[in-house]
C-alpha atoms as a PDB file:
ATOM      1  CA  UNK A   1      -5.902  -9.285   9.080  1.00  0.00           C
ATOM      2  CA  UNK A   2      -4.552 -12.795   8.751  1.00  0.00           C
ATOM      3  CA  UNK A   3      -6.193 -15.731   7.062  1.00  0.00           C
ATOM      4  CA  UNK A   4      -5.533 -19.344   8.000  1.00  0.00           C
ATOM      5  CA  UNK A   5      -6.703 -22.176   5.799  1.00  0.00           C
ATOM      6  CA  UNK A   6      -7.479 -25.398   7.635  1.00  0.00           C
ATOM      7  CA  UNK A   7      -8.911 -28.554   6.128  1.00  0.00           C
ATOM      8  CA  UNK A   8     -11.964 -29.983   7.834  1.00  0.00           C
ATOM      9  CA  UNK A   9     -12.683 -33.700   8.162  1.00  0.00           C
ATOM     10  CA  UNK A  10     -14.565 -33.542   4.834  1.00  0.00           C
ATOM     11  CA  UNK A  11     -11.483 -32.069   3.100  1.00  0.00           C
ATOM     12  CA  UNK A  12     -13.252 -28.746   2.733  1.00  0.00           C
ATOM     13  CA  UNK A  13     -11.117 -25.697   3.297  1.00  0.00           C
ATOM     14  CA  UNK A  14     -12.214 -23.656   6.296  1.00  0.00           C
ATOM     15  CA  UNK A  15     -10.971 -20.089   6.216  1.00  0.00           C
ATOM     16  CA  UNK A  16     -10.333 -18.530   9.600  1.00  0.00           C
ATOM     17  CA  UNK A  17     -10.038 -14.754   9.461  1.00  0.00           C
ATOM     18  CA  UNK A  18      -8.495 -12.942  12.374  1.00  0.00           C
ATOM     19  CA  UNK A  19      -9.096  -9.352  13.341  1.00  0.00           C
ATOM     20  CA  UNK A  20      -6.083  -7.049  13.133  1.00  0.00           C
ATOM     21  CA  UNK A  21      -4.574  -5.877  16.426  1.00  0.00           C
ATOM     22  CA  UNK A  22      -5.138  -2.265  15.361  1.00  0.00           C
ATOM     23  CA  UNK A  23      -8.885  -2.859  15.947  1.00  0.00           C
ATOM     24  CA  UNK A  24      -8.362  -3.353  19.722  1.00  0.00           C
ATOM     25  CA  UNK A  25      -9.010   0.304  20.699  1.00  0.00           C
ATOM     26  CA  UNK A  26     -12.259   0.227  18.696  1.00  0.00           C
ATOM     27  CA  UNK A  27     -13.356  -3.193  19.972  1.00  0.00           C
ATOM     28  CA  UNK A  28     -12.659  -2.392  23.605  1.00  0.00           C
ATOM     29  CA  UNK A  29     -15.120  -4.798  25.232  1.00  0.00           C
ATOM     30  CA  UNK A  30     -12.687  -7.736  25.244  1.00  0.00           C
ATOM     31  CA  UNK A  31      -9.278  -8.865  24.028  1.00  0.00           C
ATOM     32  CA  UNK A  32      -9.036  -8.867  20.223  1.00  0.00           C
ATOM     33  CA  UNK A  33      -7.936 -12.533  20.297  1.00  0.00           C
ATOM     34  CA  UNK A  34     -11.230 -13.535  21.945  1.00  0.00           C
ATOM     35  CA  UNK A  35     -13.517 -12.222  19.215  1.00  0.00           C
ATOM     36  CA  UNK A  36     -15.230 -14.644  16.899  1.00  0.00           C
ATOM     37  CA  UNK A  37     -15.851 -12.992  13.523  1.00  0.00           C
ATOM     38  CA  UNK A  38     -19.100 -14.921  13.154  1.00  0.00           C
ATOM     39  CA  UNK A  39     -20.580 -14.778  16.662  1.00  0.00           C
ATOM     40  CA  UNK A  40     -19.495 -11.172  17.259  1.00  0.00           C
ATOM     41  CA  UNK A  41     -20.254  -9.904  13.748  1.00  0.00           C
ATOM     42  CA  UNK A  42     -22.926  -7.357  14.727  1.00  0.00           C
ATOM     43  CA  UNK A  43     -20.736  -5.785  17.418  1.00  0.00           C
ATOM     44  CA  UNK A  44     -17.620  -5.739  15.226  1.00  0.00           C
ATOM     45  CA  UNK A  45     -19.352  -4.198  12.217  1.00  0.00           C
ATOM     46  CA  UNK A  46     -21.122  -1.448  14.158  1.00  0.00           C
ATOM     47  CA  UNK A  47     -18.057  -0.543  16.231  1.00  0.00           C
ATOM     48  CA  UNK A  48     -15.831  -0.233  13.171  1.00  0.00           C
ATOM     49  CA  UNK A  49     -18.434   1.735  11.200  1.00  0.00           C
ATOM     50  CA  UNK A  50     -19.097   4.115  14.081  1.00  0.00           C
ATOM     51  CA  UNK A  51     -15.623   4.572  15.569  1.00  0.00           C
ATOM     52  CA  UNK A  52     -13.152   3.360  12.943  1.00  0.00           C
ATOM     53  CA  UNK A  53     -11.239   5.282  10.297  1.00  0.00           C
ATOM     54  CA  UNK A  54     -11.775   4.925   6.556  1.00  0.00           C
ATOM     55  CA  UNK A  55      -8.778   2.576   6.546  1.00  0.00           C
ATOM     56  CA  UNK A  56     -10.459   0.463   9.257  1.00  0.00           C
ATOM     57  CA  UNK A  57     -13.619   0.284   7.144  1.00  0.00           C
ATOM     58  CA  UNK A  58     -11.567  -0.896   4.143  1.00  0.00           C
ATOM     59  CA  UNK A  59     -10.156  -3.694   6.307  1.00  0.00           C
ATOM     60  CA  UNK A  60     -13.676  -4.499   7.539  1.00  0.00           C
ATOM     61  CA  UNK A  61     -14.733  -4.966   3.895  1.00  0.00           C
ATOM     62  CA  UNK A  62     -12.000  -7.595   3.529  1.00  0.00           C
ATOM     63  CA  UNK A  63     -13.338  -9.504   6.504  1.00  0.00           C
ATOM     64  CA  UNK A  64     -17.040  -9.249   5.615  1.00  0.00           C
ATOM     65  CA  UNK A  65     -18.664  -8.737   2.247  1.00  0.00           C
ATOM     66  CA  UNK A  66     -20.363  -5.412   1.560  1.00  0.00           C
ATOM     67  CA  UNK A  67     -23.694  -7.271   1.473  1.00  0.00           C
ATOM     68  CA  UNK A  68     -23.034  -8.723   4.951  1.00  0.00           C
ATOM     69  CA  UNK A  69     -22.123  -5.301   6.314  1.00  0.00           C
ATOM     70  CA  UNK A  70     -25.253  -3.728   4.810  1.00  0.00           C
ATOM     71  CA  UNK A  71     -27.436  -6.561   6.115  1.00  0.00           C
ATOM     72  CA  UNK A  72     -26.126  -6.123   9.667  1.00  0.00           C
ATOM     73  CA  UNK A  73     -26.430  -2.338   9.486  1.00  0.00           C
ATOM     74  CA  UNK A  74     -30.052  -2.461   8.300  1.00  0.00           C
ATOM     75  CA  UNK A  75     -31.334  -5.463  10.256  1.00  0.00           C
ATOM     76  CA  UNK A  76     -29.455  -5.121  13.548  1.00  0.00           C
ATOM     77  CA  UNK A  77     -29.342  -1.379  14.256  1.00  0.00           C
ATOM     78  CA  UNK A  78     -27.365  -0.036  17.225  1.00  0.00           C
ATOM     79  CA  UNK A  79     -27.795   3.396  18.798  1.00  0.00           C
ATOM     80  CA  UNK A  80     -24.105   4.272  18.828  1.00  0.00           C
ATOM     81  CA  UNK A  81     -23.796   6.713  15.917  1.00  0.00           C
ATOM     82  CA  UNK A  82     -23.751  10.475  15.873  1.00  0.00           C
ATOM     83  CA  UNK A  83     -26.165  11.841  13.265  1.00  0.00           C
ATOM     84  CA  UNK A  84     -23.329  12.942  10.962  1.00  0.00           C
ATOM     85  CA  UNK A  85     -21.601   9.564  11.093  1.00  0.00           C
ATOM     86  CA  UNK A  86     -24.891   7.703  10.588  1.00  0.00           C
ATOM     87  CA  UNK A  87     -25.650   9.707   7.430  1.00  0.00           C
ATOM     88  CA  UNK A  88     -22.081   9.344   6.138  1.00  0.00           C
ATOM     89  CA  UNK A  89     -22.047   5.568   6.662  1.00  0.00           C
ATOM     90  CA  UNK A  90     -25.563   5.050   5.274  1.00  0.00           C
ATOM     91  CA  UNK A  91     -25.296   7.311   2.240  1.00  0.00           C
ATOM     92  CA  UNK A  92     -21.630   7.266   1.235  1.00  0.00           C
ATOM     93  CA  UNK A  93     -19.993   4.139   2.624  1.00  0.00           C
ATOM     94  CA  UNK A  94     -22.867   1.649   2.298  1.00  0.00           C
ATOM     95  CA  UNK A  95     -24.897   3.567  -0.315  1.00  0.00           C
ATOM     96  CA  UNK A  96     -28.210   2.577   1.260  1.00  0.00           C
ATOM     97  CA  UNK A  97     -31.036   4.368  -0.522  1.00  0.00           C
ATOM     98  CA  UNK A  98     -33.867   3.045   1.639  1.00  0.00           C
ATOM     99  CA  UNK A  99     -35.142   5.271   4.394  1.00  0.00           C
ATOM    100  CA  UNK A 100     -33.865   4.129   7.808  1.00  0.00           C
ATOM    101  CA  UNK A 101     -35.292   5.484  11.036  1.00  0.00           C
ATOM    102  CA  UNK A 102     -32.522   7.442  12.749  1.00  0.00           C
ATOM    103  CA  UNK A 103     -33.940   6.766  16.208  1.00  0.00           C
ATOM    104  CA  UNK A 104     -32.558   3.211  15.979  1.00  0.00           C
ATOM    105  CA  UNK A 105     -29.034   4.401  15.122  1.00  0.00           C
ATOM    106  CA  UNK A 106     -28.385   7.881  16.473  1.00  0.00           C
ATOM    107  CA  UNK A 107     -27.511   8.182  20.144  1.00  0.00           C
ATOM    108  CA  UNK A 108     -28.963  10.992  22.190  1.00  0.00           C
ATOM    109  CA  UNK A 109     -27.125  14.270  22.192  1.00  0.00           C
ATOM    110  CA  UNK A 110     -25.249  15.019  25.372  1.00  0.00           C
END
């Protein structure tokens, strides 16, 4: 992850975070350079939580706050998780104690 600091016209510092190249196999829908960490936040967070390694999740927590990640996970569910991964992410990574309906997260068994 790289961070660029650019001054805006109001002399405020705008921080531009870039996704690491190692995320490309997980974020396969387009070139890693074309992702916007704000506009594509829901996709990025869910893909990394579902398909990334623990190291990838640590990097994700440097890009987004834990509160942002939890908010996206709870309020924008995606049916891309296996049941085991859903429970692991919910209970151990995000420590969400509220009951979440698995049908919005867990993909059908093949």
